[in-house]
């Protein structure tokens, strides 16, 4: 098989648990990039929490798929985006005000919040980004839209919020937990697989010519798209079952080991 592109998740996949890219991962990505294979990141993160990895990997000219597919950019140009409409954003904010949670709203490169609490501080440390504090009622005016809304809080609180929002019936939105303490909301037209399709269709690359690599449930749809998919060793068993193959963990050069095996770059494991 002649592979033409590799799409890689960030947290738990590209990054080790200490939020760095291992030397082995850098080595294999550099090798593939030099061979002309497209390397792109597909993540729930915003652009400014993703582009530093592109610079580190030497692939700054490549497309970036952010917000689980709700925003695709390349060279500071928006190639595609999906939006949470004004009325839905406003309704969500009104509905969650009385829950003990932290609210984040993302549009392009900007991260908004109504208060700097411990959850915002934690996310800032993880992503190396700074939130802009603003009264949300002043933010969500007639010309506003969002790419993503994220709610953070203790698991029980987020479970209650999720049940409440889904009971209202936001038919245009995808509301899901990305981990026990994070509830992410994007347009139901956004997904990692749709973001990938936007990128590969512009390059005449077919789905059977790509590899997707991830570690969590929001990666499954891109596993199902790709001809070849790789689940990290640290992925839940249910996620592993959806992948073509399972590699080592994010802390043990899982990406390098899988790609070496698939692409036969040399005889090292």
C-alpha atoms as a PDB file:
ATOM      1  CA  UNK A   1       0.000   0.000   0.000  1.00  0.00           C
ATOM      2  CA  UNK A   2       1.268   3.455  -0.921  1.00  0.00           C
ATOM      3  CA  UNK A   3       0.204   5.720   1.923  1.00  0.00           C
ATOM      4  CA  UNK A   4      -0.072   9.434   1.168  1.00  0.00           C
ATOM      5  CA  UNK A   5      -1.193  10.953   4.477  1.00  0.00           C
ATOM      6  CA  UNK A   6      -1.127  10.348   8.226  1.00  0.00           C
ATOM      7  CA  UNK A   7      -3.601  12.051  10.571  1.00  0.00           C
ATOM      8  CA  UNK A   8      -2.669  12.125  14.262  1.00  0.00           C
ATOM      9  CA  UNK A   9      -4.607  12.977  17.422  1.00  0.00           C
ATOM     10  CA  UNK A  10      -2.777  15.066  20.058  1.00  0.00           C
ATOM     11  CA  UNK A  11      -3.511  14.304  23.711  1.00  0.00           C
ATOM     12  CA  UNK A  12      -2.771  10.703  24.603  1.00  0.00           C
ATOM     13  CA  UNK A  13      -1.404  10.082  21.104  1.00  0.00           C
ATOM     14  CA  UNK A  14       1.133  12.571  19.733  1.00  0.00           C
ATOM     15  CA  UNK A  15       1.962  13.735  23.259  1.00  0.00           C
ATOM     16  CA  UNK A  16       3.327  11.723  26.149  1.00  0.00           C
ATOM     17  CA  UNK A  17       1.710  12.102  29.551  1.00  0.00           C
ATOM     18  CA  UNK A  18       4.091  14.961  30.342  1.00  0.00           C
ATOM     19  CA  UNK A  19       2.727  16.806  27.266  1.00  0.00           C
ATOM     20  CA  UNK A  20       5.858  16.493  25.136  1.00  0.00           C
ATOM     21  CA  UNK A  21       6.583  14.844  21.789  1.00  0.00           C
ATOM     22  CA  UNK A  22       9.031  11.966  22.153  1.00  0.00           C
ATOM     23  CA  UNK A  23      12.247  11.845  20.163  1.00  0.00           C
ATOM     24  CA  UNK A  24      11.070   8.682  18.407  1.00  0.00           C
ATOM     25  CA  UNK A  25       7.825  10.305  17.299  1.00  0.00           C
ATOM     26  CA  UNK A  26       9.704  13.333  15.963  1.00  0.00           C
ATOM     27  CA  UNK A  27      12.081  11.049  14.095  1.00  0.00           C
ATOM     28  CA  UNK A  28       9.381   9.075  12.283  1.00  0.00           C
ATOM     29  CA  UNK A  29       7.315  12.166  11.428  1.00  0.00           C
ATOM     30  CA  UNK A  30      10.395  13.906  10.014  1.00  0.00           C
ATOM     31  CA  UNK A  31      11.176  10.834   7.909  1.00  0.00           C
ATOM     32  CA  UNK A  32       7.655  10.653   6.491  1.00  0.00           C
ATOM     33  CA  UNK A  33       7.497  14.395   5.847  1.00  0.00           C
ATOM     34  CA  UNK A  34      10.748  14.208   3.899  1.00  0.00           C
ATOM     35  CA  UNK A  35       9.254  11.384   1.828  1.00  0.00           C
ATOM     36  CA  UNK A  36       6.379  13.670   0.853  1.00  0.00           C
ATOM     37  CA  UNK A  37       3.732  12.014   3.013  1.00  0.00           C
ATOM     38  CA  UNK A  38       1.267  14.566   4.373  1.00  0.00           C
ATOM     39  CA  UNK A  39       1.284  14.762   8.184  1.00  0.00           C
ATOM     40  CA  UNK A  40      -1.639  16.544   9.836  1.00  0.00           C
ATOM     41  CA  UNK A  41      -2.956  16.864  13.370  1.00  0.00           C
ATOM     42  CA  UNK A  42      -6.638  16.218  14.138  1.00  0.00           C
ATOM     43  CA  UNK A  43      -7.613  17.444  17.587  1.00  0.00           C
ATOM     44  CA  UNK A  44     -10.252  18.906  19.880  1.00  0.00           C
ATOM     45  CA  UNK A  45      -7.745  21.651  20.710  1.00  0.00           C
ATOM     46  CA  UNK A  46      -7.893  25.187  19.284  1.00  0.00           C
ATOM     47  CA  UNK A  47      -5.369  26.307  16.640  1.00  0.00           C
ATOM     48  CA  UNK A  48      -3.089  28.214  19.014  1.00  0.00           C
ATOM     49  CA  UNK A  49      -2.754  25.097  21.184  1.00  0.00           C
ATOM     50  CA  UNK A  50      -1.844  23.005  18.136  1.00  0.00           C
ATOM     51  CA  UNK A  51       0.335  25.104  15.833  1.00  0.00           C
ATOM     52  CA  UNK A  52       3.353  25.068  18.201  1.00  0.00           C
ATOM     53  CA  UNK A  53       3.571  21.305  17.580  1.00  0.00           C
ATOM     54  CA  UNK A  54       3.645  21.952  13.829  1.00  0.00           C
ATOM     55  CA  UNK A  55       6.597  24.273  14.313  1.00  0.00           C
ATOM     56  CA  UNK A  56       8.343  21.710  16.510  1.00  0.00           C
ATOM     57  CA  UNK A  57       7.791  18.981  13.918  1.00  0.00           C
ATOM     58  CA  UNK A  58       8.752  21.128  10.923  1.00  0.00           C
ATOM     59  CA  UNK A  59       5.385  20.778   9.188  1.00  0.00           C
ATOM     60  CA  UNK A  60       4.120  24.339   9.648  1.00  0.00           C
ATOM     61  CA  UNK A  61       2.779  24.536   6.070  1.00  0.00           C
ATOM     62  CA  UNK A  62       0.418  21.569   6.552  1.00  0.00           C
ATOM     63  CA  UNK A  63      -3.331  21.789   7.299  1.00  0.00           C
ATOM     64  CA  UNK A  64      -4.586  21.697  10.887  1.00  0.00           C
ATOM     65  CA  UNK A  65      -7.916  20.134  11.881  1.00  0.00           C
ATOM     66  CA  UNK A  66      -9.137  21.638  15.173  1.00  0.00           C
ATOM     67  CA  UNK A  67     -12.206  21.443  17.437  1.00  0.00           C
ATOM     68  CA  UNK A  68     -12.854  17.825  16.377  1.00  0.00           C
ATOM     69  CA  UNK A  69     -13.263  18.934  12.767  1.00  0.00           C
ATOM     70  CA  UNK A  70     -15.189  22.189  13.309  1.00  0.00           C
ATOM     71  CA  UNK A  71     -12.262  24.256  11.996  1.00  0.00           C
ATOM     72  CA  UNK A  72      -9.728  23.412   9.279  1.00  0.00           C
ATOM     73  CA  UNK A  73      -6.955  25.935   8.661  1.00  0.00           C
ATOM     74  CA  UNK A  74      -3.739  26.141   6.672  1.00  0.00           C
ATOM     75  CA  UNK A  75      -1.255  29.009   6.562  1.00  0.00           C
ATOM     76  CA  UNK A  76      -3.655  31.160   8.638  1.00  0.00           C
ATOM     77  CA  UNK A  77      -6.419  30.646   6.063  1.00  0.00           C
ATOM     78  CA  UNK A  78      -9.729  29.034   7.000  1.00  0.00           C
ATOM     79  CA  UNK A  79     -10.358  26.110   4.659  1.00  0.00           C
ATOM     80  CA  UNK A  80     -13.570  24.966   6.322  1.00  0.00           C
ATOM     81  CA  UNK A  81     -15.529  25.548   9.506  1.00  0.00           C
ATOM     82  CA  UNK A  82     -18.718  24.523  11.232  1.00  0.00           C
ATOM     83  CA  UNK A  83     -20.505  26.845  13.629  1.00  0.00           C
ATOM     84  CA  UNK A  84     -22.639  26.802  16.738  1.00  0.00           C
ATOM     85  CA  UNK A  85     -25.313  29.319  15.835  1.00  0.00           C
ATOM     86  CA  UNK A  86     -25.989  32.379  17.962  1.00  0.00           C
ATOM     87  CA  UNK A  87     -29.330  31.130  19.249  1.00  0.00           C
ATOM     88  CA  UNK A  88     -27.886  27.759  20.294  1.00  0.00           C
ATOM     89  CA  UNK A  89     -24.869  29.332  22.015  1.00  0.00           C
ATOM     90  CA  UNK A  90     -27.105  31.743  23.897  1.00  0.00           C
ATOM     91  CA  UNK A  91     -29.502  28.993  24.936  1.00  0.00           C
ATOM     92  CA  UNK A  92     -26.701  26.738  26.180  1.00  0.00           C
ATOM     93  CA  UNK A  93     -25.223  29.503  28.331  1.00  0.00           C
ATOM     94  CA  UNK A  94     -28.618  30.271  29.844  1.00  0.00           C
ATOM     95  CA  UNK A  95     -29.328  26.606  30.544  1.00  0.00           C
ATOM     96  CA  UNK A  96     -26.027  25.852  32.325  1.00  0.00           C
ATOM     97  CA  UNK A  97     -25.728  28.981  34.487  1.00  0.00           C
ATOM     98  CA  UNK A  98     -27.023  27.273  37.621  1.00  0.00           C
ATOM     99  CA  UNK A  99     -24.689  24.273  37.403  1.00  0.00           C
ATOM    100  CA  UNK A 100     -21.333  24.252  39.181  1.00  0.00           C
ATOM    101  CA  UNK A 101     -19.205  24.171  36.047  1.00  0.00           C
ATOM    102  CA  UNK A 102     -16.691  26.271  34.108  1.00  0.00           C
ATOM    103  CA  UNK A 103     -17.704  27.629  30.691  1.00  0.00           C
ATOM    104  CA  UNK A 104     -15.341  28.070  27.731  1.00  0.00           C
ATOM    105  CA  UNK A 105     -16.278  29.355  24.281  1.00  0.00           C
ATOM    106  CA  UNK A 106     -13.943  29.066  21.287  1.00  0.00           C
ATOM    107  CA  UNK A 107     -13.991  30.961  18.012  1.00  0.00           C
ATOM    108  CA  UNK A 108     -10.988  30.564  15.717  1.00  0.00           C
ATOM    109  CA  UNK A 109      -7.883  31.448  17.768  1.00  0.00           C
ATOM    110  CA  UNK A 110      -9.706  33.030  20.708  1.00  0.00           C
ATOM    111  CA  UNK A 111     -10.746  31.294  23.930  1.00  0.00           C
ATOM    112  CA  UNK A 112     -13.385  33.099  25.992  1.00  0.00           C
ATOM    113  CA  UNK A 113     -14.563  32.491  29.545  1.00  0.00           C
ATOM    114  CA  UNK A 114     -16.657  34.381  32.060  1.00  0.00           C
ATOM    115  CA  UNK A 115     -14.323  33.667  34.981  1.00  0.00           C
ATOM    116  CA  UNK A 116     -10.768  32.480  35.602  1.00  0.00           C
ATOM    117  CA  UNK A 117     -11.270  29.518  37.923  1.00  0.00           C
ATOM    118  CA  UNK A 118      -9.254  26.397  38.688  1.00  0.00           C
ATOM    119  CA  UNK A 119     -10.560  24.580  35.610  1.00  0.00           C
ATOM    120  CA  UNK A 120      -9.499  27.408  33.329  1.00  0.00           C
ATOM    121  CA  UNK A 121      -6.080  27.474  34.999  1.00  0.00           C
ATOM    122  CA  UNK A 122      -5.701  23.719  34.468  1.00  0.00           C
ATOM    123  CA  UNK A 123      -6.663  23.903  30.794  1.00  0.00           C
ATOM    124  CA  UNK A 124      -4.349  26.877  30.318  1.00  0.00           C
ATOM    125  CA  UNK A 125      -1.470  24.839  31.708  1.00  0.00           C
ATOM    126  CA  UNK A 126      -2.290  21.878  29.440  1.00  0.00           C
ATOM    127  CA  UNK A 127      -2.660  23.909  26.244  1.00  0.00           C
ATOM    128  CA  UNK A 128      -0.276  26.786  26.995  1.00  0.00           C
ATOM    129  CA  UNK A 129      -3.061  29.205  26.008  1.00  0.00           C
ATOM    130  CA  UNK A 130      -4.616  32.144  27.838  1.00  0.00           C
ATOM    131  CA  UNK A 131      -8.370  32.661  28.077  1.00  0.00           C
ATOM    132  CA  UNK A 132      -9.969  36.049  27.478  1.00  0.00           C
ATOM    133  CA  UNK A 133     -12.337  36.906  30.319  1.00  0.00           C
ATOM    134  CA  UNK A 134     -15.593  38.552  29.257  1.00  0.00           C
ATOM    135  CA  UNK A 135     -19.225  38.676  30.332  1.00  0.00           C
ATOM    136  CA  UNK A 136     -20.783  36.052  28.106  1.00  0.00           C
ATOM    137  CA  UNK A 137     -23.973  38.046  27.553  1.00  0.00           C
ATOM    138  CA  UNK A 138     -21.827  40.808  26.047  1.00  0.00           C
ATOM    139  CA  UNK A 139     -19.892  38.310  23.924  1.00  0.00           C
ATOM    140  CA  UNK A 140     -22.865  36.552  22.387  1.00  0.00           C
ATOM    141  CA  UNK A 141     -24.289  39.407  20.341  1.00  0.00           C
ATOM    142  CA  UNK A 142     -26.182  39.304  17.062  1.00  0.00           C
ATOM    143  CA  UNK A 143     -23.158  38.649  14.849  1.00  0.00           C
ATOM    144  CA  UNK A 144     -21.491  36.051  17.089  1.00  0.00           C
ATOM    145  CA  UNK A 145     -20.990  32.345  16.497  1.00  0.00           C
ATOM    146  CA  UNK A 146     -18.715  29.744  18.094  1.00  0.00           C
ATOM    147  CA  UNK A 147     -16.747  26.789  16.779  1.00  0.00           C
ATOM    148  CA  UNK A 148     -16.843  24.981  20.118  1.00  0.00           C
ATOM    149  CA  UNK A 149     -18.237  25.306  23.632  1.00  0.00           C
ATOM    150  CA  UNK A 150     -16.521  23.344  26.378  1.00  0.00           C
ATOM    151  CA  UNK A 151     -17.854  22.825  29.883  1.00  0.00           C
ATOM    152  CA  UNK A 152     -15.488  21.658  32.624  1.00  0.00           C
ATOM    153  CA  UNK A 153     -16.335  20.396  36.088  1.00  0.00           C
ATOM    154  CA  UNK A 154     -16.563  17.397  38.344  1.00  0.00           C
ATOM    155  CA  UNK A 155     -17.882  14.287  36.635  1.00  0.00           C
ATOM    156  CA  UNK A 156     -21.230  14.218  38.458  1.00  0.00           C
ATOM    157  CA  UNK A 157     -21.924  17.856  37.610  1.00  0.00           C
ATOM    158  CA  UNK A 158     -21.085  17.305  33.952  1.00  0.00           C
ATOM    159  CA  UNK A 159     -23.258  14.195  33.811  1.00  0.00           C
ATOM    160  CA  UNK A 160     -26.158  16.278  35.078  1.00  0.00           C
ATOM    161  CA  UNK A 161     -25.456  19.045  32.554  1.00  0.00           C
ATOM    162  CA  UNK A 162     -25.209  16.558  29.703  1.00  0.00           C
ATOM    163  CA  UNK A 163     -28.514  14.925  30.574  1.00  0.00           C
ATOM    164  CA  UNK A 164     -30.167  18.331  30.905  1.00  0.00           C
ATOM    165  CA  UNK A 165     -28.913  19.680  27.583  1.00  0.00           C
ATOM    166  CA  UNK A 166     -29.771  16.505  25.708  1.00  0.00           C
ATOM    167  CA  UNK A 167     -33.272  16.531  27.204  1.00  0.00           C
ATOM    168  CA  UNK A 168     -33.833  19.953  25.641  1.00  0.00           C
ATOM    169  CA  UNK A 169     -32.945  18.575  22.226  1.00  0.00           C
ATOM    170  CA  UNK A 170     -30.217  20.585  20.525  1.00  0.00           C
ATOM    171  CA  UNK A 171     -30.719  18.810  17.224  1.00  0.00           C
ATOM    172  CA  UNK A 172     -27.945  20.739  15.452  1.00  0.00           C
ATOM    173  CA  UNK A 173     -25.272  19.957  18.036  1.00  0.00           C
ATOM    174  CA  UNK A 174     -23.035  17.092  19.097  1.00  0.00           C
ATOM    175  CA  UNK A 175     -22.743  17.018  22.898  1.00  0.00           C
ATOM    176  CA  UNK A 176     -20.245  14.510  24.285  1.00  0.00           C
ATOM    177  CA  UNK A 177     -17.696  13.968  27.026  1.00  0.00           C
ATOM    178  CA  UNK A 178     -14.092  13.905  25.842  1.00  0.00           C
ATOM    179  CA  UNK A 179     -13.048  12.831  29.341  1.00  0.00           C
ATOM    180  CA  UNK A 180     -14.916  12.592  32.672  1.00  0.00           C
ATOM    181  CA  UNK A 181     -14.434  16.264  33.494  1.00  0.00           C
ATOM    182  CA  UNK A 182     -14.817  17.798  29.988  1.00  0.00           C
ATOM    183  CA  UNK A 183     -18.087  18.146  28.056  1.00  0.00           C
ATOM    184  CA  UNK A 184     -17.547  19.347  24.474  1.00  0.00           C
ATOM    185  CA  UNK A 185     -20.187  20.841  22.195  1.00  0.00           C
ATOM    186  CA  UNK A 186     -19.762  21.333  18.444  1.00  0.00           C
ATOM    187  CA  UNK A 187     -22.002  21.380  15.402  1.00  0.00           C
ATOM    188  CA  UNK A 188     -23.298  17.929  14.487  1.00  0.00           C
ATOM    189  CA  UNK A 189     -21.855  18.595  11.035  1.00  0.00           C
ATOM    190  CA  UNK A 190     -18.361  18.581  12.545  1.00  0.00           C
ATOM    191  CA  UNK A 191     -16.286  15.450  13.054  1.00  0.00           C
ATOM    192  CA  UNK A 192     -12.682  14.411  12.730  1.00  0.00           C
ATOM    193  CA  UNK A 193     -13.541  12.300   9.696  1.00  0.00           C
ATOM    194  CA  UNK A 194     -15.258  15.199   7.911  1.00  0.00           C
ATOM    195  CA  UNK A 195     -12.260  17.437   8.567  1.00  0.00           C
ATOM    196  CA  UNK A 196      -9.985  14.773   7.106  1.00  0.00           C
ATOM    197  CA  UNK A 197     -12.243  14.363   4.079  1.00  0.00           C
ATOM    198  CA  UNK A 198     -11.971  18.108   3.422  1.00  0.00           C
ATOM    199  CA  UNK A 199      -8.175  17.862   3.427  1.00  0.00           C
ATOM    200  CA  UNK A 200      -7.772  14.719   1.338  1.00  0.00           C
ATOM    201  CA  UNK A 201     -10.383  15.581  -1.276  1.00  0.00           C
ATOM    202  CA  UNK A 202      -8.436  18.751  -2.117  1.00  0.00           C
ATOM    203  CA  UNK A 203      -5.356  16.578  -2.733  1.00  0.00           C
ATOM    204  CA  UNK A 204      -6.991  13.698  -4.624  1.00  0.00           C
ATOM    205  CA  UNK A 205      -6.086  11.327  -1.791  1.00  0.00           C
ATOM    206  CA  UNK A 206      -8.476   8.465  -1.123  1.00  0.00           C
ATOM    207  CA  UNK A 207      -9.453   7.118   2.278  1.00  0.00           C
ATOM    208  CA  UNK A 208      -7.602   3.857   1.669  1.00  0.00           C
ATOM    209  CA  UNK A 209      -4.385   5.866   1.236  1.00  0.00           C
ATOM    210  CA  UNK A 210      -4.450   7.381   4.721  1.00  0.00           C
ATOM    211  CA  UNK A 211      -3.523   6.302   8.235  1.00  0.00           C
ATOM    212  CA  UNK A 212      -5.315   7.672  11.290  1.00  0.00           C
ATOM    213  CA  UNK A 213      -3.892   7.415  14.818  1.00  0.00           C
ATOM    214  CA  UNK A 214      -5.729   8.082  18.080  1.00  0.00           C
ATOM    215  CA  UNK A 215      -6.522   6.985  21.595  1.00  0.00           C
ATOM    216  CA  UNK A 216     -10.093   7.897  22.471  1.00  0.00           C
ATOM    217  CA  UNK A 217     -13.739   7.671  21.485  1.00  0.00           C
ATOM    218  CA  UNK A 218     -13.720  10.875  19.437  1.00  0.00           C
ATOM    219  CA  UNK A 219     -11.112   9.196  17.210  1.00  0.00           C
ATOM    220  CA  UNK A 220     -13.327   6.264  16.238  1.00  0.00           C
ATOM    221  CA  UNK A 221     -15.061   8.054  13.373  1.00  0.00           C
ATOM    222  CA  UNK A 222     -11.702   8.781  11.718  1.00  0.00           C
ATOM    223  CA  UNK A 223     -10.686   5.141  12.320  1.00  0.00           C
ATOM    224  CA  UNK A 224     -13.760   4.055  10.376  1.00  0.00           C
ATOM    225  CA  UNK A 225     -12.944   6.440   7.517  1.00  0.00           C
ATOM    226  CA  UNK A 226      -9.331   5.400   7.011  1.00  0.00           C
ATOM    227  CA  UNK A 227      -8.037   2.392   5.156  1.00  0.00           C
ATOM    228  CA  UNK A 228      -5.635   1.867   8.056  1.00  0.00           C
ATOM    229  CA  UNK A 229      -6.152   2.995  11.647  1.00  0.00           C
ATOM    230  CA  UNK A 230      -3.931   2.733  14.715  1.00  0.00           C
ATOM    231  CA  UNK A 231      -5.129   2.738  18.314  1.00  0.00           C
ATOM    232  CA  UNK A 232      -2.620   3.630  21.000  1.00  0.00           C
ATOM    233  CA  UNK A 233      -1.873   1.092  23.713  1.00  0.00           C
ATOM    234  CA  UNK A 234      -3.348   3.490  26.285  1.00  0.00           C
ATOM    235  CA  UNK A 235      -6.717   3.618  24.465  1.00  0.00           C
ATOM    236  CA  UNK A 236      -9.834   2.049  26.029  1.00  0.00           C
ATOM    237  CA  UNK A 237     -10.496  -1.495  24.848  1.00  0.00           C
ATOM    238  CA  UNK A 238     -13.657  -0.409  23.030  1.00  0.00           C
ATOM    239  CA  UNK A 239     -11.590   2.069  20.985  1.00  0.00           C
ATOM    240  CA  UNK A 240      -8.909  -0.516  20.240  1.00  0.00           C
ATOM    241  CA  UNK A 241     -11.548  -2.824  18.773  1.00  0.00           C
ATOM    242  CA  UNK A 242     -12.349  -0.215  16.112  1.00  0.00           C
ATOM    243  CA  UNK A 243      -8.772   0.112  14.833  1.00  0.00           C
ATOM    244  CA  UNK A 244      -6.863  -1.857  12.225  1.00  0.00           C
ATOM    245  CA  UNK A 245      -4.027  -2.406  14.661  1.00  0.00           C
ATOM    246  CA  UNK A 246      -3.023  -1.571  18.226  1.00  0.00           C
ATOM    247  CA  UNK A 247       0.404  -0.166  19.023  1.00  0.00           C
ATOM    248  CA  UNK A 248       2.349   0.645  22.182  1.00  0.00           C
ATOM    249  CA  UNK A 249       1.381   3.526  24.468  1.00  0.00           C
ATOM    250  CA  UNK A 250       1.954   7.236  23.982  1.00  0.00           C
ATOM    251  CA  UNK A 251       4.769   7.014  26.546  1.00  0.00           C
ATOM    252  CA  UNK A 252       6.568   4.206  24.712  1.00  0.00           C
ATOM    253  CA  UNK A 253       6.892   5.496  21.130  1.00  0.00           C
ATOM    254  CA  UNK A 254       3.659   3.866  20.002  1.00  0.00           C
ATOM    255  CA  UNK A 255       3.413   6.081  16.925  1.00  0.00           C
ATOM    256  CA  UNK A 256       6.928   5.289  15.765  1.00  0.00           C
ATOM    257  CA  UNK A 257       6.551   1.554  16.312  1.00  0.00           C
ATOM    258  CA  UNK A 258       3.288   1.342  14.365  1.00  0.00           C
ATOM    259  CA  UNK A 259       4.426   3.487  11.455  1.00  0.00           C
ATOM    260  CA  UNK A 260       7.722   1.617  11.169  1.00  0.00           C
ATOM    261  CA  UNK A 261       5.784  -1.616  10.997  1.00  0.00           C
ATOM    262  CA  UNK A 262       3.337  -0.316   8.389  1.00  0.00           C
ATOM    263  CA  UNK A 263       5.772   1.546   6.204  1.00  0.00           C
ATOM    264  CA  UNK A 264       8.844  -0.698   6.522  1.00  0.00           C
ATOM    265  CA  UNK A 265      11.207   2.258   6.747  1.00  0.00           C
ATOM    266  CA  UNK A 266      13.948   0.070   8.178  1.00  0.00           C
ATOM    267  CA  UNK A 267      14.389  -3.118  10.139  1.00  0.00           C
ATOM    268  CA  UNK A 268      14.136  -1.573  13.601  1.00  0.00           C
ATOM    269  CA  UNK A 269      11.042  -2.169  15.685  1.00  0.00           C
END
